[in-house]
Protein backbone atom coordinates (compact mmCIF):
# COMPACT_ATOMS: atom_id res chain seq x y z
CA MET A 1 52.80 113.27 -161.56
CA LYS A 2 49.93 115.77 -160.25
CA LYS A 3 48.01 115.02 -157.09
CA LYS A 4 44.84 114.79 -159.30
CA GLU A 5 46.29 112.00 -161.44
CA LYS A 6 47.80 110.15 -158.49
CA ILE A 7 44.40 110.23 -156.95
CA ASN A 8 42.99 108.81 -160.29
CA PHE A 9 45.46 106.08 -160.40
CA TYR A 10 44.89 105.04 -157.01
CA TYR A 11 41.28 104.90 -157.50
CA LEU A 12 41.72 102.83 -160.59
CA VAL A 13 44.01 100.36 -158.71
CA PHE A 14 41.51 100.22 -155.76
CA MET A 15 38.59 99.47 -158.27
CA LEU A 16 40.38 96.70 -160.09
CA LEU A 17 41.23 95.34 -156.70
CA ILE A 18 37.35 95.21 -155.77
CA LEU A 19 36.75 93.78 -159.13
CA SER A 20 39.17 91.09 -158.77
CA MET A 21 37.70 90.00 -155.45
CA MET A 22 34.18 89.51 -157.06
CA VAL A 23 35.32 87.49 -160.15
CA PHE A 24 36.44 83.84 -160.47
CA PRO A 25 39.62 83.30 -158.90
CA MET A 26 39.46 85.29 -155.89
CA PHE A 27 35.66 84.86 -155.62
CA SER A 28 36.44 81.19 -155.01
CA ILE A 29 37.91 82.02 -151.48
CA GLY A 30 34.45 83.19 -150.35
CA ASN A 31 32.37 80.73 -152.44
CA LYS A 32 31.11 78.91 -149.47
CA VAL A 33 27.72 78.22 -147.96
CA GLU A 34 29.13 77.64 -144.48
CA PRO A 35 29.52 79.49 -142.05
CA PHE A 36 26.18 81.27 -142.06
CA ILE A 37 26.44 84.88 -140.72
CA ILE A 38 23.18 86.49 -139.76
CA GLY A 39 21.37 83.62 -141.49
CA MET A 40 23.13 84.22 -144.72
CA PRO A 41 25.48 82.06 -146.61
CA PHE A 42 29.08 83.09 -146.43
CA SER A 43 29.06 83.69 -150.15
CA ILE A 44 26.52 86.71 -149.71
CA ILE A 45 28.48 88.02 -146.86
CA TRP A 46 31.63 88.09 -148.94
CA VAL A 47 29.84 89.94 -151.64
CA LEU A 48 28.49 92.43 -149.12
CA PHE A 49 31.62 92.99 -147.32
CA TRP A 50 33.47 94.23 -150.70
CA ILE A 51 30.56 96.42 -151.18
CA ILE A 52 30.93 98.27 -148.22
CA VAL A 53 34.89 98.36 -148.58
CA GLN A 54 34.16 99.71 -151.92
CA PHE A 55 31.81 102.30 -150.42
CA ILE A 56 34.04 103.52 -147.74
CA GLY A 57 37.07 103.70 -150.24
CA LEU A 58 34.91 106.05 -152.57
CA LEU A 59 34.08 108.20 -149.34
CA VAL A 60 37.93 108.38 -148.94
CA PHE A 61 38.66 109.31 -152.50
CA VAL A 62 35.82 112.01 -152.67
CA THR A 63 37.42 113.47 -149.70
CA PHE A 64 40.80 113.58 -151.02
CA ASP A 65 39.41 114.77 -154.43
CA LYS A 66 37.76 117.74 -152.77
CA GLU A 67 40.86 119.11 -150.97
CA ASP A 68 41.83 120.51 -153.99
């Protein structure tokens, strides 16, 4: 398996992980109103957290992809 194919595979797995955290079975973990964090319900913080994780992950994948 080439390095580019390996990066693409890990990228796909990473995106599926993020997607799974935003849909029904896993989202029920974060689907709560309390505790309030910075005045926002926990469910909004849950979504924002995974968006930030996705952004950082994309930066990492772009960095690895540019090394070729």
